[in-house]
Amino acid sequence: MVGGRGPGGDALNSAEIYDVNANEWIPASPIPLGARASHAAVLLPSGEVLVAGGGNSHLDGLNTSALYHLKTDSWTDAGSMNVKRNVLTLTLLEGGVVVAIGGFNAAGAETTAEVYASNQPEAGWIPLLAQMEHGRHGHASTLLPSGRILVTGSLEGSPGRVLKAAEIFHWSSTSWTYEAEMLEARFFHTATALPSGEVLIAGGYSSPHAMPRASAEIFRRDGSWEFIAPMSSARVNHTATWLESGSVLIIGGSDGAAVLNTAERYVP
């Protein structure tokens, strides 16, 4: 666990590790490149953890990134991204390639993406020429079995409009294609890859000033969308985790009025 916001709302630079066998949390070295929240992190094939972006304010983002080394409890600089990205996503592809997608900064929601090849760290972050159709902030990025990345939803602009838009990134051609829109506009939702090759989309906001949604939908393998039964509670900023049983465990979040301590399961 690294960064986030403390009780006073300020961004943190501290880190901790959960020891499963001892059932306890152990302090880790703080990230050296600045306190941050709404950043992204991904576990690399090497066992290192790449942390990138985020911000220490609600108005701008950071472009810094760092690698955490578990064996030495230390951090090294992983280079600066080409743009600042707050509320970005990081998606790991085969071969240790990480794709940083979207996020926002003082200029607005980013349409750009860039890549970090963990087997060639000296190359740093490389911007992609192709850009998305829409700026992405509060979106979700989901790796499909084909190796493509499905990007869904966003809060775009100010005061902001919420998008139904979905796009797919093709690593083989480093290009984007526009997909059929979701049935409901969303941001700060969850998107969980299912073994079937489909994607479960749940909750999130559908308007900047509205209550969260309980609705859920499935991205089918033919590129279509289908509503399924809604969750028992409206949720935003929750988590959704695929279990080996084949179901998806959804935990916590907020219903717009209170933080939730409830959990529920989606069973395909």
C-alpha atoms as a PDB file:
ATOM      1  CA  MET A   1       0.000   0.000   0.000  1.00  0.00           C
ATOM      2  CA  VAL A   2       1.440   3.363  -0.973  1.00  0.00           C
ATOM      3  CA  GLY A   3       0.187   6.932  -0.832  1.00  0.00           C
ATOM      4  CA  GLY A   4      -3.466   7.922  -0.680  1.00  0.00           C
ATOM      5  CA  ARG A   5      -4.992  10.547   1.587  1.00  0.00           C
ATOM      6  CA  GLY A   6      -4.797  10.740   5.366  1.00  0.00           C
ATOM      7  CA  PRO A   7      -7.515  11.713   7.866  1.00  0.00           C
ATOM      8  CA  GLY A   8      -6.939  15.414   7.164  1.00  0.00           C
ATOM      9  CA  GLY A   9      -7.299  14.950   3.416  1.00  0.00           C
ATOM     10  CA  ASP A  10      -3.619  15.559   2.591  1.00  0.00           C
ATOM     11  CA  ALA A  11      -1.778  13.257   0.191  1.00  0.00           C
ATOM     12  CA  LEU A  12       0.645  10.753   1.767  1.00  0.00           C
ATOM     13  CA  ASN A  13       4.060   9.410   0.763  1.00  0.00           C
ATOM     14  CA  SER A  14       4.081   6.538   3.264  1.00  0.00           C
ATOM     15  CA  ALA A  15       3.911   2.853   2.381  1.00  0.00           C
ATOM     16  CA  GLU A  16       3.133  -0.410   4.173  1.00  0.00           C
ATOM     17  CA  ILE A  17       3.286  -4.123   3.353  1.00  0.00           C
ATOM     18  CA  TYR A  18       0.770  -6.716   4.513  1.00  0.00           C
ATOM     19  CA  ASP A  19       2.392  -9.943   5.721  1.00  0.00           C
ATOM     20  CA  VAL A  20      -0.142 -12.694   5.038  1.00  0.00           C
ATOM     21  CA  ASN A  21       1.515 -15.304   7.285  1.00  0.00           C
ATOM     22  CA  ALA A  22       1.832 -12.972  10.269  1.00  0.00           C
ATOM     23  CA  ASN A  23      -1.477 -11.196   9.580  1.00  0.00           C
ATOM     24  CA  GLU A  24       0.109  -7.817  10.215  1.00  0.00           C
ATOM     25  CA  TRP A  25       1.121  -4.604   8.467  1.00  0.00           C
ATOM     26  CA  ILE A  26       4.827  -3.700   8.260  1.00  0.00           C
ATOM     27  CA  PRO A  27       6.052  -0.147   7.541  1.00  0.00           C
ATOM     28  CA  ALA A  28       7.907   0.222   4.225  1.00  0.00           C
ATOM     29  CA  SER A  29      10.148   2.965   2.912  1.00  0.00           C
ATOM     30  CA  PRO A  30       8.138   6.000   1.795  1.00  0.00           C
ATOM     31  CA  ILE A  31       7.991   6.813  -1.896  1.00  0.00           C
ATOM     32  CA  PRO A  32      10.697   9.461  -2.449  1.00  0.00           C
ATOM     33  CA  LEU A  33       9.202  11.459  -5.316  1.00  0.00           C
ATOM     34  CA  GLY A  34       6.391  13.212  -3.507  1.00  0.00           C
ATOM     35  CA  ALA A  35       3.172  12.489  -1.665  1.00  0.00           C
ATOM     36  CA  ARG A  36       0.393  11.345  -3.975  1.00  0.00           C
ATOM     37  CA  ALA A  37      -3.197  10.137  -4.166  1.00  0.00           C
ATOM     38  CA  SER A  38      -5.251   8.816  -7.092  1.00  0.00           C
ATOM     39  CA  HIS A  39      -2.064   7.330  -8.572  1.00  0.00           C
ATOM     40  CA  ALA A  40      -1.751   3.877 -10.152  1.00  0.00           C
ATOM     41  CA  ALA A  41       0.477   0.907  -9.343  1.00  0.00           C
ATOM     42  CA  VAL A  42       1.194  -2.381 -11.092  1.00  0.00           C
ATOM     43  CA  LEU A  43       3.183  -5.495 -10.148  1.00  0.00           C
ATOM     44  CA  LEU A  44       5.875  -6.226 -12.758  1.00  0.00           C
ATOM     45  CA  PRO A  45       7.125  -9.709 -13.776  1.00  0.00           C
ATOM     46  CA  SER A  46      10.387  -8.909 -11.944  1.00  0.00           C
ATOM     47  CA  GLY A  47       8.511  -8.660  -8.638  1.00  0.00           C
ATOM     48  CA  GLU A  48       9.009  -4.894  -8.498  1.00  0.00           C
ATOM     49  CA  VAL A  49       6.061  -2.514  -8.210  1.00  0.00           C
ATOM     50  CA  LEU A  50       5.749   0.439 -10.578  1.00  0.00           C
ATOM     51  CA  VAL A  51       3.944   3.464  -9.137  1.00  0.00           C
ATOM     52  CA  ALA A  52       3.099   6.391 -11.423  1.00  0.00           C
ATOM     53  CA  GLY A  53       1.223   9.663 -11.494  1.00  0.00           C
ATOM     54  CA  GLY A  54      -1.496  10.755  -9.113  1.00  0.00           C
ATOM     55  CA  GLY A  55      -1.469  14.143  -7.470  1.00  0.00           C
ATOM     56  CA  ASN A  56      -1.166  16.081  -4.255  1.00  0.00           C
ATOM     57  CA  SER A  57      -4.042  18.411  -5.125  1.00  0.00           C
ATOM     58  CA  HIS A  58      -7.439  18.106  -6.806  1.00  0.00           C
ATOM     59  CA  LEU A  59      -6.396  20.559  -9.528  1.00  0.00           C
ATOM     60  CA  ASP A  60      -3.305  19.048 -11.138  1.00  0.00           C
ATOM     61  CA  GLY A  61      -1.307  15.853 -11.436  1.00  0.00           C
ATOM     62  CA  LEU A  62       2.191  14.422 -11.158  1.00  0.00           C
ATOM     63  CA  ASN A  63       4.320  12.976 -13.940  1.00  0.00           C
ATOM     64  CA  THR A  64       6.794  11.156 -11.673  1.00  0.00           C
ATOM     65  CA  SER A  65       7.120   7.382 -11.319  1.00  0.00           C
ATOM     66  CA  ALA A  66       9.132   5.046  -9.114  1.00  0.00           C
ATOM     67  CA  LEU A  67       9.962   1.351  -8.704  1.00  0.00           C
ATOM     68  CA  TYR A  68       9.663  -0.375  -5.328  1.00  0.00           C
ATOM     69  CA  HIS A  69      12.149  -3.191  -4.643  1.00  0.00           C
ATOM     70  CA  LEU A  70      10.820  -5.603  -2.027  1.00  0.00           C
ATOM     71  CA  LYS A  71      14.119  -7.373  -1.273  1.00  0.00           C
ATOM     72  CA  THR A  72      15.869  -4.147  -0.285  1.00  0.00           C
ATOM     73  CA  ASP A  73      12.801  -2.144   0.806  1.00  0.00           C
ATOM     74  CA  SER A  74      13.980   0.662  -1.454  1.00  0.00           C
ATOM     75  CA  TRP A  75      12.755   2.872  -4.300  1.00  0.00           C
ATOM     76  CA  THR A  76      14.417   3.941  -7.546  1.00  0.00           C
ATOM     77  CA  ASP A  77      13.333   6.641  -9.954  1.00  0.00           C
ATOM     78  CA  ALA A  78      11.524   5.140 -12.977  1.00  0.00           C
ATOM     79  CA  GLY A  79      11.601   8.383 -14.949  1.00  0.00           C
ATOM     80  CA  SER A  80       9.051  11.059 -15.675  1.00  0.00           C
ATOM     81  CA  MET A  81       6.012  10.520 -17.842  1.00  0.00           C
ATOM     82  CA  ASN A  82       5.586  12.943 -20.700  1.00  0.00           C
ATOM     83  CA  VAL A  83       2.499  14.566 -19.169  1.00  0.00           C
ATOM     84  CA  LYS A  84       1.071  14.875 -15.672  1.00  0.00           C
ATOM     85  CA  ARG A  85      -1.579  12.244 -14.961  1.00  0.00           C
ATOM     86  CA  ASN A  86      -3.919  12.276 -11.950  1.00  0.00           C
ATOM     87  CA  VAL A  87      -6.474   9.420 -11.757  1.00  0.00           C
ATOM     88  CA  LEU A  88      -4.707   7.494 -14.532  1.00  0.00           C
ATOM     89  CA  THR A  89      -4.708   3.740 -15.164  1.00  0.00           C
ATOM     90  CA  LEU A  90      -1.730   1.399 -15.613  1.00  0.00           C
ATOM     91  CA  THR A  91      -2.241  -1.861 -17.517  1.00  0.00           C
ATOM     92  CA  LEU A  92       0.395  -4.605 -17.782  1.00  0.00           C
ATOM     93  CA  LEU A  93       0.783  -6.368 -21.135  1.00  0.00           C
ATOM     94  CA  GLU A  94       2.824  -9.451 -21.992  1.00  0.00           C
ATOM     95  CA  GLY A  95       6.563  -8.884 -21.979  1.00  0.00           C
ATOM     96  CA  GLY A  96       6.440  -6.478 -19.053  1.00  0.00           C
ATOM     97  CA  VAL A  97       5.090  -3.531 -21.058  1.00  0.00           C
ATOM     98  CA  VAL A  98       2.979  -1.105 -19.020  1.00  0.00           C
ATOM     99  CA  VAL A  99       0.505   1.260 -20.666  1.00  0.00           C
ATOM    100  CA  ALA A 100      -0.391   4.495 -18.822  1.00  0.00           C
ATOM    101  CA  ILE A 101      -3.757   5.741 -20.052  1.00  0.00           C
ATOM    102  CA  GLY A 102      -5.505   9.070 -19.561  1.00  0.00           C
ATOM    103  CA  GLY A 103      -5.713  10.932 -16.283  1.00  0.00           C
ATOM    104  CA  PHE A 104      -6.187  14.649 -15.764  1.00  0.00           C
ATOM    105  CA  ASN A 105      -4.003  17.687 -15.156  1.00  0.00           C
ATOM    106  CA  ALA A 106      -4.469  21.455 -15.173  1.00  0.00           C
ATOM    107  CA  ALA A 107      -5.229  21.274 -18.925  1.00  0.00           C
ATOM    108  CA  GLY A 108      -8.089  18.786 -18.469  1.00  0.00           C
ATOM    109  CA  ALA A 109      -8.662  15.084 -19.126  1.00  0.00           C
ATOM    110  CA  GLU A 110      -5.900  13.514 -21.239  1.00  0.00           C
ATOM    111  CA  THR A 111      -6.532  11.785 -24.563  1.00  0.00           C
ATOM    112  CA  THR A 112      -2.959  10.498 -24.575  1.00  0.00           C
ATOM    113  CA  ALA A 113      -1.244   7.306 -23.456  1.00  0.00           C
ATOM    114  CA  GLU A 114       2.384   6.243 -23.040  1.00  0.00           C
ATOM    115  CA  VAL A 115       4.300   3.033 -22.392  1.00  0.00           C
ATOM    116  CA  TYR A 116       7.037   1.838 -20.052  1.00  0.00           C
ATOM    117  CA  ALA A 117       8.945  -1.332 -20.998  1.00  0.00           C
ATOM    118  CA  SER A 118      10.125  -2.851 -17.718  1.00  0.00           C
ATOM    119  CA  ASN A 119      12.745  -4.962 -19.554  1.00  0.00           C
ATOM    120  CA  GLN A 120      14.197  -1.751 -21.053  1.00  0.00           C
ATOM    121  CA  PRO A 121      13.907   0.729 -18.170  1.00  0.00           C
ATOM    122  CA  GLU A 122      16.607   2.957 -19.615  1.00  0.00           C
ATOM    123  CA  ALA A 123      14.195   3.898 -22.413  1.00  0.00           C
ATOM    124  CA  GLY A 124      11.892   5.579 -19.903  1.00  0.00           C
ATOM    125  CA  TRP A 125       8.342   6.508 -20.841  1.00  0.00           C
ATOM    126  CA  ILE A 126       7.546   6.578 -24.561  1.00  0.00           C
ATOM    127  CA  PRO A 127       4.488   8.565 -25.744  1.00  0.00           C
ATOM    128  CA  LEU A 128       2.114   6.958 -28.225  1.00  0.00           C
ATOM    129  CA  LEU A 129       1.297   8.971 -31.325  1.00  0.00           C
ATOM    130  CA  ALA A 130      -2.268   7.676 -31.554  1.00  0.00           C
ATOM    131  CA  GLN A 131      -4.689   9.305 -29.129  1.00  0.00           C
ATOM    132  CA  MET A 132      -8.103   8.386 -27.802  1.00  0.00           C
ATOM    133  CA  GLU A 133     -11.257   9.998 -29.096  1.00  0.00           C
ATOM    134  CA  HIS A 134     -12.097  11.312 -25.617  1.00  0.00           C
ATOM    135  CA  GLY A 135     -10.167  12.550 -22.611  1.00  0.00           C
ATOM    136  CA  ARG A 136     -10.218   9.997 -19.794  1.00  0.00           C
ATOM    137  CA  HIS A 137     -10.558  10.713 -16.082  1.00  0.00           C
ATOM    138  CA  GLY A 138     -12.165   8.291 -13.639  1.00  0.00           C
ATOM    139  CA  HIS A 139     -12.181   5.668 -16.395  1.00  0.00           C
ATOM    140  CA  ALA A 140     -11.352   1.962 -16.160  1.00  0.00           C
ATOM    141  CA  SER A 141      -8.859  -0.007 -18.275  1.00  0.00           C
ATOM    142  CA  THR A 142      -9.301  -3.772 -18.574  1.00  0.00           C
ATOM    143  CA  LEU A 143      -6.959  -6.260 -20.253  1.00  0.00           C
ATOM    144  CA  LEU A 144      -8.849  -8.618 -22.578  1.00  0.00           C
ATOM    145  CA  PRO A 145      -7.698 -12.193 -23.372  1.00  0.00           C
ATOM    146  CA  SER A 146      -6.746 -11.002 -26.861  1.00  0.00           C
ATOM    147  CA  GLY A 147      -4.122  -8.677 -25.345  1.00  0.00           C
ATOM    148  CA  ARG A 148      -6.188  -5.598 -26.167  1.00  0.00           C
ATOM    149  CA  ILE A 149      -7.191  -3.046 -23.523  1.00  0.00           C
ATOM    150  CA  LEU A 150     -10.811  -1.987 -23.078  1.00  0.00           C
ATOM    151  CA  VAL A 151     -11.151   1.594 -21.777  1.00  0.00           C
ATOM    152  CA  THR A 152     -14.558   2.611 -20.457  1.00  0.00           C
ATOM    153  CA  GLY A 153     -16.195   5.778 -19.161  1.00  0.00           C
ATOM    154  CA  SER A 154     -14.830   9.157 -18.125  1.00  0.00           C
ATOM    155  CA  LEU A 155     -15.580  12.514 -16.597  1.00  0.00           C
ATOM    156  CA  GLU A 156     -14.622  14.934 -19.358  1.00  0.00           C
ATOM    157  CA  GLY A 157     -14.480  18.707 -19.284  1.00  0.00           C
ATOM    158  CA  SER A 158     -15.550  21.265 -16.715  1.00  0.00           C
ATOM    159  CA  PRO A 159     -18.029  21.323 -15.050  1.00  0.00           C
ATOM    160  CA  GLY A 160     -17.909  17.919 -16.692  1.00  0.00           C
ATOM    161  CA  ARG A 161     -19.959  15.443 -18.643  1.00  0.00           C
ATOM    162  CA  VAL A 162     -19.929  11.722 -18.019  1.00  0.00           C
ATOM    163  CA  LEU A 163     -19.312   9.478 -21.011  1.00  0.00           C
ATOM    164  CA  LYS A 164     -20.727   6.173 -22.194  1.00  0.00           C
ATOM    165  CA  ALA A 165     -17.811   5.973 -24.614  1.00  0.00           C
ATOM    166  CA  ALA A 166     -15.633   2.864 -24.859  1.00  0.00           C
ATOM    167  CA  GLU A 167     -12.417   2.443 -26.836  1.00  0.00           C
ATOM    168  CA  ILE A 168      -9.973  -0.415 -27.361  1.00  0.00           C
ATOM    169  CA  PHE A 169      -6.191  -0.104 -27.515  1.00  0.00           C
ATOM    170  CA  HIS A 170      -4.363  -2.478 -29.866  1.00  0.00           C
ATOM    171  CA  TRP A 171      -0.748  -2.967 -28.802  1.00  0.00           C
ATOM    172  CA  SER A 172       0.149  -4.775 -32.040  1.00  0.00           C
ATOM    173  CA  SER A 173      -0.567  -1.612 -34.047  1.00  0.00           C
ATOM    174  CA  THR A 174      -0.411   0.931 -31.171  1.00  0.00           C
ATOM    175  CA  SER A 175      -3.800   2.190 -32.345  1.00  0.00           C
ATOM    176  CA  TRP A 176      -7.264   2.863 -30.923  1.00  0.00           C
ATOM    177  CA  THR A 177     -10.659   1.787 -32.202  1.00  0.00           C
ATOM    178  CA  TYR A 178     -13.970   3.221 -31.080  1.00  0.00           C
ATOM    179  CA  GLU A 179     -16.333   0.591 -29.655  1.00  0.00           C
ATOM    180  CA  ALA A 180     -20.083   0.520 -29.037  1.00  0.00           C
ATOM    181  CA  GLU A 181     -21.034   2.778 -26.139  1.00  0.00           C
ATOM    182  CA  MET A 182     -21.950   1.421 -22.726  1.00  0.00           C
ATOM    183  CA  LEU A 183     -25.655   1.439 -21.937  1.00  0.00           C
ATOM    184  CA  GLU A 184     -25.072   3.882 -19.079  1.00  0.00           C
ATOM    185  CA  ALA A 185     -22.575   6.730 -18.709  1.00  0.00           C
ATOM    186  CA  ARG A 186     -20.098   6.078 -15.874  1.00  0.00           C
ATOM    187  CA  PHE A 187     -16.966   7.198 -14.089  1.00  0.00           C
ATOM    188  CA  PHE A 188     -15.303   5.824 -10.948  1.00  0.00           C
ATOM    189  CA  HIS A 189     -16.946   2.482 -11.775  1.00  0.00           C
ATOM    190  CA  THR A 190     -15.271  -0.941 -11.754  1.00  0.00           C
ATOM    191  CA  ALA A 191     -14.478  -3.113 -14.769  1.00  0.00           C
ATOM    192  CA  THR A 192     -13.576  -6.754 -14.094  1.00  0.00           C
ATOM    193  CA  ALA A 193     -12.315  -9.210 -16.709  1.00  0.00           C
ATOM    194  CA  LEU A 194     -14.162 -12.547 -16.626  1.00  0.00           C
ATOM    195  CA  PRO A 195     -12.695 -15.902 -17.731  1.00  0.00           C
ATOM    196  CA  SER A 196     -15.272 -15.962 -20.537  1.00  0.00           C
ATOM    197  CA  GLY A 197     -13.492 -13.032 -22.171  1.00  0.00           C
ATOM    198  CA  GLU A 198     -16.301 -10.681 -21.160  1.00  0.00           C
ATOM    199  CA  VAL A 199     -16.079  -7.690 -18.810  1.00  0.00           C
ATOM    200  CA  LEU A 200     -18.338  -6.849 -15.865  1.00  0.00           C
ATOM    201  CA  ILE A 201     -19.002  -3.108 -15.404  1.00  0.00           C
ATOM    202  CA  ALA A 202     -20.566  -2.077 -12.096  1.00  0.00           C
ATOM    203  CA  GLY A 203     -21.634   1.115 -10.338  1.00  0.00           C
ATOM    204  CA  GLY A 204     -20.000   4.519 -10.601  1.00  0.00           C
ATOM    205  CA  TYR A 205     -21.413   7.993 -11.158  1.00  0.00           C
ATOM    206  CA  SER A 206     -23.500   8.781 -14.240  1.00  0.00           C
ATOM    207  CA  SER A 207     -23.526  12.535 -13.617  1.00  0.00           C
ATOM    208  CA  PRO A 208     -21.025  14.799 -11.819  1.00  0.00           C
ATOM    209  CA  HIS A 209     -23.651  15.866  -9.277  1.00  0.00           C
ATOM    210  CA  ALA A 210     -25.832  12.747  -9.078  1.00  0.00           C
ATOM    211  CA  MET A 211     -25.954   9.815  -6.700  1.00  0.00           C
ATOM    212  CA  PRO A 212     -23.945   6.654  -7.566  1.00  0.00           C
ATOM    213  CA  ARG A 213     -25.558   3.920  -9.627  1.00  0.00           C
ATOM    214  CA  ALA A 214     -26.413   0.323  -8.683  1.00  0.00           C
ATOM    215  CA  SER A 215     -26.662  -0.717 -12.323  1.00  0.00           C
ATOM    216  CA  ALA A 216     -24.326  -3.221 -13.954  1.00  0.00           C
ATOM    217  CA  GLU A 217     -23.694  -4.350 -17.497  1.00  0.00           C
ATOM    218  CA  ILE A 218     -21.585  -6.874 -19.402  1.00  0.00           C
ATOM    219  CA  PHE A 219     -19.286  -6.247 -22.371  1.00  0.00           C
ATOM    220  CA  ARG A 220     -19.887  -9.296 -24.534  1.00  0.00           C
ATOM    221  CA  ARG A 221     -17.295 -10.936 -26.764  1.00  0.00           C
ATOM    222  CA  ASP A 222     -19.071  -9.678 -29.883  1.00  0.00           C
ATOM    223  CA  GLY A 223     -18.576  -6.062 -28.713  1.00  0.00           C
ATOM    224  CA  SER A 224     -22.148  -5.531 -27.546  1.00  0.00           C
ATOM    225  CA  TRP A 225     -23.368  -4.433 -24.104  1.00  0.00           C
ATOM    226  CA  GLU A 226     -26.092  -6.026 -22.007  1.00  0.00           C
ATOM    227  CA  PHE A 227     -27.643  -4.875 -18.735  1.00  0.00           C
ATOM    228  CA  ILE A 228     -27.695  -7.473 -15.948  1.00  0.00           C
ATOM    229  CA  ALA A 229     -29.403  -7.417 -12.550  1.00  0.00           C
ATOM    230  CA  PRO A 230     -28.307  -4.351 -10.557  1.00  0.00           C
ATOM    231  CA  MET A 231     -26.270  -4.542  -7.360  1.00  0.00           C
ATOM    232  CA  SER A 232     -28.165  -4.468  -4.078  1.00  0.00           C
ATOM    233  CA  SER A 233     -26.535  -1.094  -3.280  1.00  0.00           C
ATOM    234  CA  ALA A 234     -25.508   1.856  -5.399  1.00  0.00           C
ATOM    235  CA  ARG A 235     -21.712   2.112  -5.219  1.00  0.00           C
ATOM    236  CA  VAL A 236     -18.844   4.321  -6.295  1.00  0.00           C
ATOM    237  CA  ASN A 237     -15.126   3.941  -5.479  1.00  0.00           C
ATOM    238  CA  HIS A 238     -15.744   0.301  -4.544  1.00  0.00           C
ATOM    239  CA  THR A 239     -13.566  -2.676  -5.491  1.00  0.00           C
ATOM    240  CA  ALA A 240     -14.469  -5.665  -7.660  1.00  0.00           C
ATOM    241  CA  THR A 241     -12.319  -8.811  -7.594  1.00  0.00           C
ATOM    242  CA  TRP A 242     -12.677 -11.979  -9.646  1.00  0.00           C
ATOM    243  CA  LEU A 243     -12.601 -15.130  -7.510  1.00  0.00           C
ATOM    244  CA  GLU A 244     -11.495 -18.622  -8.553  1.00  0.00           C
ATOM    245  CA  SER A 245     -15.066 -19.795  -7.989  1.00  0.00           C
ATOM    246  CA  GLY A 246     -15.977 -17.735 -11.060  1.00  0.00           C
ATOM    247  CA  SER A 247     -17.862 -15.023  -9.191  1.00  0.00           C
ATOM    248  CA  VAL A 248     -16.877 -11.386  -8.622  1.00  0.00           C
ATOM    249  CA  LEU A 249     -16.685 -10.021  -5.068  1.00  0.00           C
ATOM    250  CA  ILE A 250     -17.707  -6.362  -4.752  1.00  0.00           C
ATOM    251  CA  ILE A 251     -16.735  -4.582  -1.544  1.00  0.00           C
ATOM    252  CA  GLY A 252     -17.397  -1.218   0.054  1.00  0.00           C
ATOM    253  CA  GLY A 253     -17.379   2.136  -1.658  1.00  0.00           C
ATOM    254  CA  SER A 254     -19.902   4.881  -1.064  1.00  0.00           C
ATOM    255  CA  ASP A 255     -23.600   5.131  -1.856  1.00  0.00           C
ATOM    256  CA  GLY A 256     -23.339   8.911  -2.055  1.00  0.00           C
ATOM    257  CA  ALA A 257     -24.507   9.458   1.509  1.00  0.00           C
ATOM    258  CA  ALA A 258     -22.287   7.120   3.531  1.00  0.00           C
ATOM    259  CA  VAL A 259     -19.254   4.867   3.260  1.00  0.00           C
ATOM    260  CA  LEU A 260     -20.386   1.246   2.912  1.00  0.00           C
ATOM    261  CA  ASN A 261     -19.162  -1.770   4.886  1.00  0.00           C
ATOM    262  CA  THR A 262     -21.239  -4.199   2.815  1.00  0.00           C
ATOM    263  CA  ALA A 263     -20.153  -6.709   0.188  1.00  0.00           C
ATOM    264  CA  GLU A 264     -21.942  -8.657  -2.502  1.00  0.00           C
ATOM    265  CA  ARG A 265     -21.093 -11.212  -5.177  1.00  0.00           C
ATOM    266  CA  TYR A 266     -21.892 -11.367  -8.868  1.00  0.00           C
ATOM    267  CA  VAL A 267     -22.407 -14.956 -10.013  1.00  0.00           C
ATOM    268  CA  PRO A 268     -22.368 -15.371 -13.821  1.00  0.00           C
END
